[in-house]
Amino acid sequence: MATVSGGELLVRTLVESGVDHVFCVPGESFLSALDAMYDATAQLRVITCRHEGAAANMAEAYGRLTGRPGVCFVTRGPGATHASVGVHTAEQGSSPMLLLVGQIPRGHADRRSLQEVDYKQLFGGMAKFVAEITDTARIPEYVNRAFHVAVSGEPGPVVLSLPEDVLTDRCTPGDPHRAEAAQPRSNALGALGIEHELAEATRPLMIVGGSSWGEQACADAVAYAEANQLPVATAFRRQDLFDNYSSSYIGELGMEKSEAFKARVRESDLLVVIGARLDETTTGGYDLIDPGSAPRLIHVHPNLAELGALYQPARAINSTPGDFLAWLRETTSVISAPWAEGTIAAHADYVDSTTPVPAIGDVNLAEVIAHLAANLPDNAILTHGAGNYAAWIQRFYRFTRPGTLLAPPSGAMGYGLPAAIMAKLVHPERDVVSISGDGCFQMYPQELATAVQFGAAITAIVVNNGSYGTIRMHQERAHPGRVIATDLRNPDFAALARAYGAHGETVETTEDFAAAFKRAQETGRPALIELRTSIEDVRPGLTLDELRADGPRT
């Protein structure tokens, strides 16, 4: 039987595993794999990025969007450390991802060779599994294990290190095997437990979050909540998991929480948490939901180790959201809802909060986001990174379907543009809009070249207030008037877009946005719209002057 190189065996295994996109920055440490990709272009689309951090973000976003591991290739040393941001985001967001890292030849190990890194130490605290392949014949074994680990239970990132000579050595390939996910299963007792707990509750709250959701699971959650008039909140940056127009929806447990919303969370006497981890942001810094005095908790989560790790549930159910909600749909009945009036009032408060608020500057970001919400189709994909500008998205954009929001729960800047490019490549038929702050966008602005090269006709919106706005806000709150290190001198973003070959426009008034957005979408190619906003509009309905007037935080 003919032998193949390790690079050929690796690429063959990826294709047999169903991989259709690879995101990379090429490196000499995996030339053999790149050469094998040359012969696999009919099955595998190789997306060449300008920065490994962007490539890793694309792979993470692919995993979040599709439920299948996103695959990223980077070279050793700096390539791997640049890509670590995507691995961290995948860990924080429970996204299936496979990072393949070129490595020094085996005979050079432990000599402090050029770009030598111990990847088990580097990624050990972030990835579900990290390994270095030292035998060419075992490449399929490791890749299959990587895919199995990445998608089983609570999804997450896996890292494989590939010594250069392992990829060039030859071996006789065995029969292909495709990895299958192993998932925990729910049962009728778990579903009926909710019915029992709800019978004792007067102020319940359902929280949905995490990964491993699909169209049917989201539809089941809406149907169950509405049938029982349950109030539902989404976890941080999981707003698309529950129809925001549903009569049960009351808002996102993110950065933008009203006092009435926070009071409802604190006053709940039963939490039904499906898929979410109850992390720091979702729980308001563990203040809204205090681990030491939390209400009764039903916690449904695919990771057994997560159940009871911090919050002690009355009922712990080790299950994926989809499997649990399928049981819930089949085994429980509609119960009386003494909390119905509270749900109606909470939803009305949420709807009121989506009305645009005034702004100081000539561009009102609230009205811009409201325009997008009113005019984009319900399957449009919105992406963003981290920054104060995201509070406007959370508050004024209403999602209706899963797989329409890609945002980093890790709080990593620079995520929006790479995620949007990936989404458009995977779903060219859908509208894809990225929204970034000026600081956030400049983490990976060079990926506009990637969008142009591969024909990803996204619309990128850059909210330019000349500042790292989030840090400026905290700076002014804690140390009023003592501004340092947060001002930005920015380029002409529209001109920069045109230099890359994209369409570029600058919008300086709210009234000009709708026409500019329409023109951008009609170009049929990547486009960028720069919004000139005021740093005074630091949060929806809050100005820096008002923040300073409150005095320093004690």
Protein backbone atom coordinates (compact mmCIF):
# COMPACT_ATOMS: atom_id res chain seq x y z
CA MET A 1 0.00 0.00 0.00
CA ALA A 2 1.35 3.48 -0.90
CA THR A 3 2.78 5.61 1.86
CA VAL A 4 1.78 9.20 2.53
CA SER A 5 3.45 12.07 4.35
CA GLY A 6 2.22 13.20 7.72
CA GLY A 7 0.93 16.39 6.11
CA GLU A 8 -1.10 14.39 3.60
CA LEU A 9 -2.43 12.13 6.34
CA LEU A 10 -3.40 15.13 8.46
CA VAL A 11 -5.30 16.88 5.66
CA ARG A 12 -6.96 13.62 4.60
CA THR A 13 -8.15 13.07 8.17
CA LEU A 14 -9.51 16.61 8.40
CA VAL A 15 -11.47 16.19 5.17
CA GLU A 16 -12.81 12.81 6.30
CA SER A 17 -13.91 14.52 9.53
CA GLY A 18 -16.08 16.95 7.58
CA VAL A 19 -13.83 20.02 7.74
CA ASP A 20 -14.68 22.41 4.91
CA HIS A 21 -12.85 25.60 6.00
CA VAL A 22 -9.38 26.12 7.44
CA PHE A 23 -8.30 29.54 8.75
CA CYS A 24 -4.57 30.14 8.82
CA VAL A 25 -1.50 32.28 8.55
CA PRO A 26 1.00 30.12 6.64
CA GLY A 27 4.26 29.07 8.29
CA GLU A 28 7.31 27.04 7.36
CA SER A 29 6.70 24.66 10.25
CA PHE A 30 3.71 23.08 8.48
CA LEU A 31 4.72 23.33 4.81
CA SER A 32 3.97 19.63 4.30
CA ALA A 33 0.36 20.19 5.44
CA LEU A 34 0.05 23.26 3.20
CA ASP A 35 1.28 21.21 0.25
CA ALA A 36 -1.35 18.57 0.99
CA MET A 37 -4.05 21.27 1.06
CA TYR A 38 -3.08 22.15 -2.52
CA ASP A 39 -4.53 18.81 -3.63
CA ALA A 40 -7.65 19.11 -1.43
CA THR A 41 -9.05 22.46 -2.55
CA ALA A 42 -12.20 20.80 -3.92
CA GLN A 43 -13.13 19.76 -0.36
CA LEU A 44 -11.27 22.30 1.77
CA ARG A 45 -11.33 26.09 1.51
CA VAL A 46 -8.16 27.60 2.93
CA ILE A 47 -8.67 31.15 4.20
CA THR A 48 -5.40 33.05 4.49
CA CYS A 49 -5.56 35.69 7.22
CA ARG A 50 -3.21 38.56 8.05
CA HIS A 51 -2.89 37.85 11.76
CA GLU A 52 -3.06 34.62 13.74
CA GLY A 53 -5.34 36.23 16.33
CA ALA A 54 -7.88 36.95 13.59
CA ALA A 55 -7.53 33.42 12.18
CA ALA A 56 -8.20 31.94 15.63
CA ASN A 57 -11.18 34.24 16.11
CA MET A 58 -12.58 33.04 12.78
CA ALA A 59 -12.17 29.42 13.84
CA GLU A 60 -13.83 30.09 17.20
CA ALA A 61 -16.72 31.91 15.53
CA TYR A 62 -17.10 29.04 13.03
CA GLY A 63 -17.50 26.62 15.94
CA ARG A 64 -20.03 28.88 17.65
CA LEU A 65 -22.04 29.35 14.45
CA THR A 66 -22.05 25.78 13.13
CA GLY A 67 -21.60 23.58 16.21
CA ARG A 68 -18.67 21.87 14.43
CA PRO A 69 -15.03 22.52 15.40
CA GLY A 70 -13.51 25.50 13.64
CA VAL A 71 -9.99 24.65 12.47
CA CYS A 72 -7.06 27.06 12.65
CA PHE A 73 -3.47 26.44 11.47
CA VAL A 74 -0.65 28.60 12.84
CA THR A 75 3.09 28.32 12.99
CA ARG A 76 5.14 27.75 16.11
CA GLY A 77 6.09 30.34 18.72
CA PRO A 78 4.67 33.77 17.85
CA GLY A 79 1.98 32.22 15.66
CA ALA A 80 0.71 30.15 18.56
CA THR A 81 0.88 32.95 21.13
CA HIS A 82 -1.01 35.27 18.78
CA ALA A 83 -3.68 32.60 18.32
CA SER A 84 -4.11 32.08 22.05
CA VAL A 85 -6.74 34.84 22.16
CA GLY A 86 -9.07 32.68 20.09
CA VAL A 87 -8.45 29.65 22.29
CA HIS A 88 -9.30 31.69 25.38
CA THR A 89 -12.49 32.99 23.76
CA ALA A 90 -13.46 29.42 22.81
CA GLU A 91 -12.91 28.29 26.40
CA GLN A 92 -14.94 31.17 27.83
CA GLY A 93 -17.70 30.70 25.24
CA SER A 94 -17.78 26.88 25.12
CA SER A 95 -17.10 26.83 21.37
CA PRO A 96 -15.69 23.73 19.63
CA MET A 97 -12.35 24.58 18.06
CA LEU A 98 -9.17 22.83 16.90
CA LEU A 99 -5.90 24.78 16.85
CA LEU A 100 -3.12 23.03 14.91
CA VAL A 101 0.32 24.43 15.69
CA GLY A 102 3.51 23.77 13.77
CA GLN A 103 6.37 22.75 16.03
CA ILE A 104 10.17 22.43 15.90
CA PRO A 105 11.57 19.06 14.70
CA ARG A 106 11.61 16.40 17.40
CA GLY A 107 15.40 16.26 17.46
CA HIS A 108 15.61 19.95 18.37
CA ALA A 109 13.43 19.70 21.49
CA ASP A 110 14.59 21.09 24.83
CA ARG A 111 17.42 23.12 23.29
CA ARG A 112 15.66 26.48 23.38
CA SER A 113 15.42 26.22 19.62
CA LEU A 114 14.05 28.99 17.44
CA GLN A 115 10.40 29.60 18.40
CA GLU A 116 10.32 26.56 20.70
CA VAL A 117 7.34 26.57 23.09
CA ASP A 118 5.89 23.90 25.38
CA TYR A 119 2.27 24.02 24.21
CA LYS A 120 0.97 21.86 27.03
CA GLN A 121 2.09 24.56 29.44
CA LEU A 122 0.95 27.43 27.22
CA PHE A 123 -2.56 26.13 26.56
CA GLY A 124 -3.05 23.73 29.47
CA GLY A 125 -5.28 26.10 31.42
CA MET A 126 -7.37 27.12 28.40
CA ALA A 127 -7.96 24.04 26.24
CA LYS A 128 -9.90 20.86 26.99
CA PHE A 129 -7.05 18.77 25.61
CA VAL A 130 -3.49 19.61 24.50
CA ALA A 131 -1.12 17.10 22.91
CA GLU A 132 1.99 16.89 20.75
CA ILE A 133 1.96 14.23 18.04
CA THR A 134 5.32 12.43 17.92
CA ASP A 135 4.41 9.51 15.65
CA THR A 136 3.23 10.17 12.07
CA ALA A 137 1.08 7.02 12.00
CA ARG A 138 -0.90 8.26 15.02
CA ILE A 139 -2.06 11.51 13.38
CA PRO A 140 -5.60 10.16 12.68
CA GLU A 141 -5.88 8.88 16.25
CA TYR A 142 -5.07 12.30 17.71
CA VAL A 143 -7.23 14.25 15.26
CA ASN A 144 -10.23 11.99 15.90
CA ARG A 145 -9.73 12.33 19.64
CA ALA A 146 -9.44 16.11 19.25
CA PHE A 147 -12.76 16.30 17.41
CA HIS A 148 -14.41 14.01 19.94
CA VAL A 149 -13.22 16.08 22.89
CA ALA A 150 -14.04 19.42 21.24
CA VAL A 151 -17.73 18.59 20.72
CA SER A 152 -18.51 16.20 23.58
CA GLY A 153 -20.21 17.40 26.74
CA GLU A 154 -19.54 21.12 27.07
CA PRO A 155 -17.80 22.06 23.80
CA GLY A 156 -14.42 23.76 23.87
CA PRO A 157 -11.00 24.19 22.25
CA VAL A 158 -8.39 21.52 21.61
CA VAL A 159 -4.75 22.14 20.64
CA LEU A 160 -2.48 19.75 18.73
CA SER A 161 1.22 20.44 18.24
CA LEU A 162 2.76 19.09 15.01
CA PRO A 163 6.55 18.72 14.87
CA GLU A 164 7.85 19.59 11.42
CA ASP A 165 9.44 16.19 10.84
CA VAL A 166 6.27 14.34 11.91
CA LEU A 167 4.55 16.09 9.01
CA THR A 168 7.31 15.21 6.53
CA ASP A 169 7.82 11.58 7.62
CA ARG A 170 5.87 8.96 5.70
CA CYS A 171 3.68 6.08 6.82
CA THR A 172 1.07 3.65 5.54
CA PRO A 173 -2.40 5.06 6.29
CA GLY A 174 -5.05 2.93 8.01
CA ASP A 175 -8.79 2.88 7.48
CA PRO A 176 -10.47 6.25 8.14
CA HIS A 177 -12.65 6.72 11.19
CA ARG A 178 -14.83 9.72 11.92
CA ALA A 179 -15.22 10.92 15.49
CA GLU A 180 -18.71 11.12 16.98
CA ALA A 181 -19.78 13.28 19.91
CA ALA A 182 -20.67 11.74 23.25
CA GLN A 183 -23.39 13.71 25.02
CA PRO A 184 -25.08 13.39 28.40
CA ARG A 185 -28.75 12.50 28.21
CA SER A 186 -31.70 13.90 30.11
CA ASN A 187 -34.71 11.91 31.27
CA ALA A 188 -38.32 12.43 32.20
CA LEU A 189 -37.52 12.77 35.90
CA GLY A 190 -35.38 15.82 35.27
CA ALA A 191 -38.09 17.47 33.20
CA LEU A 192 -40.81 16.64 35.71
CA GLY A 193 -38.62 18.13 38.44
CA ILE A 194 -39.20 21.57 36.94
CA GLU A 195 -42.95 21.10 37.22
CA HIS A 196 -42.60 20.21 40.90
CA GLU A 197 -40.33 23.18 41.65
CA LEU A 198 -42.52 25.65 39.75
CA ALA A 199 -45.53 24.53 41.78
CA GLU A 200 -43.74 25.87 44.87
CA ALA A 201 -42.47 29.10 43.29
CA THR A 202 -44.01 32.58 43.11
CA ARG A 203 -41.26 34.53 41.31
CA PRO A 204 -39.39 32.12 39.00
CA LEU A 205 -36.90 33.17 36.33
CA MET A 206 -35.58 31.10 33.45
CA ILE A 207 -32.05 31.87 32.21
CA VAL A 208 -30.83 30.44 28.89
CA GLY A 209 -27.22 30.50 27.74
CA GLY A 210 -24.15 28.50 26.82
CA SER A 211 -23.69 26.48 23.66
CA SER A 212 -25.09 23.26 22.15
CA TRP A 213 -28.34 24.93 21.16
CA GLY A 214 -30.12 24.62 17.83
CA GLU A 215 -33.27 25.88 16.12
CA GLN A 216 -35.48 23.22 17.72
CA ALA A 217 -34.10 23.73 21.23
CA CYS A 218 -34.64 27.49 21.01
CA ALA A 219 -38.18 26.97 19.70
CA ASP A 220 -38.90 24.52 22.54
CA ALA A 221 -37.63 27.04 25.12
CA VAL A 222 -39.92 29.76 23.75
CA ALA A 223 -42.93 27.43 23.57
CA TYR A 224 -42.48 26.18 27.14
CA ALA A 225 -41.89 29.64 28.59
CA GLU A 226 -44.86 31.18 26.83
CA ALA A 227 -47.18 28.30 27.74
CA ASN A 228 -46.31 28.81 31.41
CA GLN A 229 -45.88 32.62 31.18
CA LEU A 230 -42.36 32.31 32.58
CA PRO A 231 -40.04 35.34 32.43
CA VAL A 232 -36.85 34.54 30.51
CA ALA A 233 -33.48 36.30 30.48
CA THR A 234 -30.54 35.40 28.28
CA ALA A 235 -27.01 35.03 29.60
CA PHE A 236 -24.27 37.47 28.61
CA ARG A 237 -23.93 37.69 24.80
CA ARG A 238 -26.44 34.88 24.20
CA GLN A 239 -29.30 37.20 23.29
CA ASP A 240 -30.10 35.27 20.10
CA LEU A 241 -31.02 32.07 21.97
CA PHE A 242 -34.50 33.36 22.81
CA ASP A 243 -36.90 35.34 20.60
CA ASN A 244 -36.64 38.91 21.90
CA TYR A 245 -40.19 39.60 20.67
CA SER A 246 -41.62 36.79 22.80
CA SER A 247 -44.03 37.86 25.54
CA SER A 248 -41.75 36.00 27.99
CA TYR A 249 -38.51 37.78 27.15
CA ILE A 250 -37.33 40.33 29.73
CA GLY A 251 -33.73 41.11 28.67
CA GLU A 252 -30.08 40.07 28.65
CA LEU A 253 -27.99 39.54 31.76
CA GLY A 254 -25.20 41.60 30.24
CA MET A 255 -23.60 44.97 30.87
CA GLU A 256 -26.76 47.02 30.27
CA LYS A 257 -29.14 46.17 33.15
CA SER A 258 -31.82 48.51 34.46
CA GLU A 259 -32.47 48.77 38.19
CA ALA A 260 -35.92 47.21 37.73
CA PHE A 261 -34.39 44.30 35.83
CA LYS A 262 -31.75 43.75 38.50
CA ALA A 263 -34.42 43.85 41.20
CA ARG A 264 -36.41 41.13 39.44
CA VAL A 265 -33.35 38.90 39.30
CA ARG A 266 -32.55 39.46 42.97
CA GLU A 267 -36.15 38.83 44.06
CA SER A 268 -36.52 35.54 42.16
CA ASP A 269 -37.28 32.53 44.35
CA LEU A 270 -36.48 29.93 41.69
CA LEU A 271 -33.91 30.00 38.89
CA VAL A 272 -34.27 27.58 36.00
CA VAL A 273 -30.87 27.83 34.28
CA ILE A 274 -30.52 25.98 30.99
CA GLY A 275 -27.05 25.77 29.43
CA ALA A 276 -25.55 28.84 31.11
CA ARG A 277 -22.55 28.71 33.48
CA LEU A 278 -23.71 31.58 35.73
CA ASP A 279 -20.44 33.39 35.10
CA GLU A 280 -19.25 36.70 36.50
CA THR A 281 -20.92 38.97 33.93
CA THR A 282 -24.21 37.08 33.80
CA THR A 283 -24.50 37.26 37.58
CA GLY A 284 -23.45 40.92 37.81
CA GLY A 285 -20.13 40.14 39.48
CA TYR A 286 -21.84 37.45 41.60
CA ASP A 287 -23.93 40.21 43.16
CA LEU A 288 -27.30 39.69 41.44
CA ILE A 289 -27.01 35.96 42.10
CA ASP A 290 -24.87 35.47 45.19
CA PRO A 291 -23.40 31.95 45.48
CA GLY A 292 -23.87 32.11 49.24
CA SER A 293 -27.53 33.13 49.20
CA ALA A 294 -28.86 32.15 45.79
CA PRO A 295 -32.50 31.14 45.41
CA ARG A 296 -33.48 27.55 44.65
CA LEU A 297 -31.77 26.51 41.48
CA ILE A 298 -32.49 24.01 38.74
CA HIS A 299 -29.31 23.83 36.70
CA VAL A 300 -29.17 22.08 33.33
CA HIS A 301 -25.67 21.85 31.88
CA PRO A 302 -23.74 19.44 29.62
CA ASN A 303 -20.60 19.60 31.77
CA LEU A 304 -20.99 17.46 34.87
CA ALA A 305 -18.09 19.29 36.54
CA GLU A 306 -19.96 22.62 36.21
CA LEU A 307 -22.96 21.41 38.21
CA GLY A 308 -22.44 22.34 41.84
CA ALA A 309 -18.99 23.83 41.21
CA LEU A 310 -20.03 27.25 42.53
CA TYR A 311 -23.82 27.37 42.86
CA GLN A 312 -25.46 24.47 44.67
CA PRO A 313 -28.55 23.38 42.71
CA ALA A 314 -31.63 21.84 44.22
CA ARG A 315 -31.81 19.80 41.03
CA ALA A 316 -28.70 19.25 38.89
CA ILE A 317 -29.39 17.87 35.42
CA ASN A 318 -26.45 16.78 33.27
CA SER A 319 -27.81 17.33 29.78
CA THR A 320 -27.50 19.39 26.64
CA PRO A 321 -30.15 22.11 26.30
CA GLY A 322 -31.65 20.44 23.23
CA ASP A 323 -32.07 17.03 24.82
CA PHE A 324 -33.48 18.44 28.05
CA LEU A 325 -35.94 20.73 26.30
CA ALA A 326 -37.15 17.85 24.12
CA TRP A 327 -38.05 15.97 27.31
CA LEU A 328 -39.62 19.07 28.74
CA ARG A 329 -41.80 19.43 25.65
CA GLU A 330 -42.98 15.83 25.84
CA THR A 331 -43.39 15.17 29.55
CA THR A 332 -44.69 18.30 31.31
CA SER A 333 -48.00 20.06 31.31
CA VAL A 334 -49.01 23.70 31.58
CA ILE A 335 -49.31 24.79 35.19
CA SER A 336 -50.99 27.73 36.88
CA ALA A 337 -48.82 30.84 36.79
CA PRO A 338 -49.25 33.24 39.74
CA TRP A 339 -46.27 35.14 38.32
CA ALA A 340 -48.00 35.95 35.00
CA GLU A 341 -48.61 39.64 35.77
CA GLY A 342 -44.97 40.07 36.72
CA THR A 343 -43.87 38.54 33.41
CA ILE A 344 -46.14 40.90 31.48
CA ALA A 345 -44.75 43.91 33.37
CA ALA A 346 -41.13 42.79 32.93
CA HIS A 347 -41.57 42.27 29.19
CA ALA A 348 -43.22 45.70 28.89
CA ASP A 349 -40.23 47.25 30.68
CA TYR A 350 -37.90 45.51 28.23
CA VAL A 351 -39.85 46.78 25.22
CA ASP A 352 -39.81 50.32 26.64
CA SER A 353 -36.03 50.09 27.06
CA THR A 354 -35.57 49.48 23.32
CA THR A 355 -36.87 52.95 22.46
CA PRO A 356 -33.86 55.04 21.34
CA VAL A 357 -32.58 57.58 23.85
CA PRO A 358 -31.17 61.05 23.03
CA ALA A 359 -27.46 61.54 22.31
CA ILE A 360 -25.02 64.44 22.66
CA GLY A 361 -23.27 63.93 19.32
CA ASP A 362 -24.66 64.33 15.82
CA VAL A 363 -24.77 60.55 15.35
CA ASN A 364 -27.21 58.83 17.71
CA LEU A 365 -26.00 55.24 17.95
CA ALA A 366 -29.31 54.14 19.49
CA GLU A 367 -31.17 55.22 16.36
CA VAL A 368 -28.56 53.58 14.12
CA ILE A 369 -28.98 50.23 15.90
CA ALA A 370 -32.76 50.60 15.86
CA HIS A 371 -32.58 51.16 12.08
CA LEU A 372 -30.59 47.95 11.66
CA ALA A 373 -33.07 46.03 13.81
CA ALA A 374 -36.00 47.32 11.76
CA ASN A 375 -34.45 46.75 8.33
CA LEU A 376 -32.23 43.66 8.47
CA PRO A 377 -33.89 40.27 7.83
CA ASP A 378 -34.34 38.02 10.84
CA ASN A 379 -31.57 35.67 9.66
CA ALA A 380 -28.99 38.46 9.39
CA ILE A 381 -25.83 37.82 11.42
CA LEU A 382 -24.57 40.58 13.71
CA THR A 383 -21.03 40.41 15.08
CA HIS A 384 -19.15 42.64 17.50
CA GLY A 385 -16.17 42.68 19.80
CA ALA A 386 -15.76 44.31 23.22
CA GLY A 387 -16.32 47.91 24.23
CA ASN A 388 -18.95 50.31 25.50
CA TYR A 389 -20.49 50.55 22.02
CA ALA A 390 -21.77 46.97 22.50
CA ALA A 391 -24.21 48.25 25.16
CA TRP A 392 -26.19 49.94 22.38
CA ILE A 393 -26.43 46.63 20.49
CA GLN A 394 -27.59 44.78 23.59
CA ARG A 395 -30.26 47.33 24.36
CA PHE A 396 -31.62 48.42 20.98
CA TYR A 397 -31.25 45.37 18.70
CA ARG A 398 -33.83 42.59 19.05
CA PHE A 399 -32.84 39.08 17.95
CA THR A 400 -35.35 36.44 16.93
CA ARG A 401 -33.32 33.41 15.82
CA PRO A 402 -30.28 31.45 17.07
CA GLY A 403 -27.05 31.80 15.15
CA THR A 404 -27.53 35.51 14.50
CA LEU A 405 -25.21 36.96 17.16
CA LEU A 406 -21.46 36.34 17.29
CA ALA A 407 -19.78 38.16 20.19
CA PRO A 408 -16.98 37.19 22.60
CA PRO A 409 -18.07 36.33 26.16
CA SER A 410 -14.37 36.61 27.01
CA GLY A 411 -14.52 40.38 26.47
CA ALA A 412 -11.81 40.23 23.78
CA MET A 413 -11.46 43.24 21.51
CA GLY A 414 -11.07 42.75 17.76
CA TYR A 415 -13.50 39.83 17.44
CA GLY A 416 -16.23 41.41 15.32
CA LEU A 417 -14.50 41.84 11.95
CA PRO A 418 -12.91 38.36 11.73
CA ALA A 419 -16.15 36.74 12.93
CA ALA A 420 -18.14 38.60 10.28
CA ILE A 421 -15.78 37.53 7.50
CA MET A 422 -16.09 33.90 8.58
CA ALA A 423 -19.89 34.13 8.78
CA LYS A 424 -20.16 35.57 5.27
CA LEU A 425 -17.88 32.88 3.85
CA VAL A 426 -20.00 30.14 5.44
CA HIS A 427 -23.36 31.85 4.68
CA PRO A 428 -22.84 34.04 1.59
CA GLU A 429 -26.62 34.27 1.13
CA ARG A 430 -27.16 36.05 4.48
CA ASP A 431 -26.60 39.68 5.46
CA VAL A 432 -23.62 39.97 7.80
CA VAL A 433 -22.88 43.18 9.71
CA SER A 434 -19.97 43.73 12.09
CA ILE A 435 -20.00 46.60 14.58
CA SER A 436 -16.75 47.70 16.22
CA GLY A 437 -15.47 50.58 18.26
CA ASP A 438 -12.49 52.47 16.89
CA GLY A 439 -10.14 50.79 19.35
CA CYS A 440 -11.73 47.39 18.85
CA PHE A 441 -11.58 47.61 15.04
CA GLN A 442 -7.89 48.49 15.06
CA MET A 443 -6.94 45.18 16.61
CA TYR A 444 -7.34 43.48 13.20
CA PRO A 445 -8.16 46.14 10.57
CA GLN A 446 -5.89 44.36 8.10
CA GLU A 447 -8.46 41.58 7.80
CA LEU A 448 -10.35 43.86 5.42
CA ALA A 449 -7.79 42.56 2.92
CA THR A 450 -8.90 39.02 3.74
CA ALA A 451 -12.53 39.99 3.14
CA VAL A 452 -11.65 41.53 -0.23
CA GLN A 453 -9.45 38.62 -1.30
CA PHE A 454 -12.09 35.98 -0.55
CA GLY A 455 -15.15 38.00 -1.56
CA ALA A 456 -16.76 38.22 1.90
CA ALA A 457 -19.22 41.07 1.24
CA ILE A 458 -19.75 42.12 4.85
CA THR A 459 -20.71 45.58 6.05
CA ALA A 460 -18.38 46.77 8.80
CA ILE A 461 -19.55 49.66 11.00
CA VAL A 462 -16.85 51.46 12.98
CA VAL A 463 -18.07 53.60 15.89
CA ASN A 464 -15.35 56.24 16.16
CA ASN A 465 -15.35 58.32 19.33
CA GLY A 466 -11.56 58.79 19.44
CA SER A 467 -11.17 56.83 22.64
CA TYR A 468 -10.93 53.51 24.41
CA GLY A 469 -14.41 54.33 25.67
CA THR A 470 -14.90 51.60 28.26
CA ILE A 471 -11.66 52.39 30.04
CA ARG A 472 -12.36 56.12 29.75
CA MET A 473 -15.70 55.56 31.46
CA HIS A 474 -14.12 53.66 34.35
CA GLN A 475 -11.30 56.22 34.49
CA GLU A 476 -13.72 59.14 34.80
CA ARG A 477 -15.77 57.32 37.40
CA ALA A 478 -12.82 56.39 39.59
CA HIS A 479 -10.52 59.35 38.87
CA PRO A 480 -12.60 62.22 37.40
CA GLY A 481 -10.72 64.52 35.04
CA ARG A 482 -7.46 62.56 35.23
CA VAL A 483 -7.49 61.20 31.68
CA ILE A 484 -4.44 59.31 30.46
CA ALA A 485 -3.75 56.58 27.87
CA THR A 486 -7.33 56.39 26.58
CA ASP A 487 -7.35 59.02 23.79
CA LEU A 488 -6.88 57.71 20.24
CA ARG A 489 -5.64 59.50 17.14
CA ASN A 490 -7.35 57.54 14.39
CA PRO A 491 -6.96 57.21 10.63
CA ASP A 492 -9.67 58.03 8.12
CA PHE A 493 -11.36 54.63 8.36
CA ALA A 494 -13.34 55.04 5.13
CA ALA A 495 -10.16 55.89 3.22
CA LEU A 496 -8.41 52.92 4.84
CA ALA A 497 -11.22 50.64 3.63
CA ARG A 498 -10.90 51.99 0.10
CA ALA A 499 -7.14 51.41 0.21
CA TYR A 500 -7.83 47.74 0.91
CA GLY A 501 -10.26 47.60 -2.02
CA ALA A 502 -13.47 47.81 0.00
CA HIS A 503 -16.23 50.39 -0.21
CA GLY A 504 -15.79 53.13 2.42
CA GLU A 505 -18.00 55.97 3.68
CA THR A 506 -18.05 58.35 6.62
CA VAL A 507 -21.32 59.26 8.37
CA GLU A 508 -21.43 62.37 10.56
CA THR A 509 -25.19 62.68 11.22
CA THR A 510 -27.84 60.15 12.14
CA GLU A 511 -29.97 61.16 9.17
CA ASP A 512 -27.22 60.14 6.73
CA PHE A 513 -26.83 56.59 8.02
CA ALA A 514 -29.76 54.84 6.30
CA ALA A 515 -28.72 55.91 2.80
CA ALA A 516 -25.05 55.11 3.47
CA PHE A 517 -25.95 51.65 4.77
CA LYS A 518 -28.12 50.98 1.71
CA ARG A 519 -25.29 52.01 -0.61
CA ALA A 520 -22.84 49.79 1.27
CA GLN A 521 -25.10 46.76 0.98
CA GLU A 522 -25.73 47.36 -2.69
CA THR A 523 -22.04 47.36 -3.64
CA GLY A 524 -21.88 43.57 -3.45
CA ARG A 525 -18.40 43.76 -1.93
CA PRO A 526 -16.89 44.38 1.50
CA ALA A 527 -17.89 47.80 2.82
CA LEU A 528 -17.08 49.98 5.80
CA ILE A 529 -19.10 52.81 7.34
CA GLU A 530 -17.35 55.05 9.86
CA LEU A 531 -19.69 56.69 12.37
CA ARG A 532 -18.31 59.86 13.97
CA THR A 533 -19.72 59.82 17.50
CA SER A 534 -19.05 61.81 20.65
CA ILE A 535 -17.05 60.45 23.56
CA GLU A 536 -19.56 62.25 25.78
CA ASP A 537 -22.10 59.52 24.89
CA VAL A 538 -20.30 56.97 27.02
CA ARG A 539 -23.31 54.66 27.61
CA PRO A 540 -26.93 54.74 26.43
CA GLY A 541 -28.49 57.70 28.26
CA LEU A 542 -25.29 58.48 30.20
CA THR A 543 -22.75 61.22 29.46
CA LEU A 544 -19.26 61.72 30.81
CA ASP A 545 -20.38 64.97 32.46
CA GLU A 546 -23.08 63.07 34.34
CA LEU A 547 -20.56 60.41 35.29
CA ARG A 548 -18.12 62.98 36.67
CA ALA A 549 -20.91 64.69 38.60
CA ASP A 550 -21.50 61.47 40.53
CA GLY A 551 -17.99 61.76 41.97
CA PRO A 552 -15.32 59.09 42.33
CA ARG A 553 -16.21 55.54 43.28
CA THR A 554 -15.59 54.81 46.94
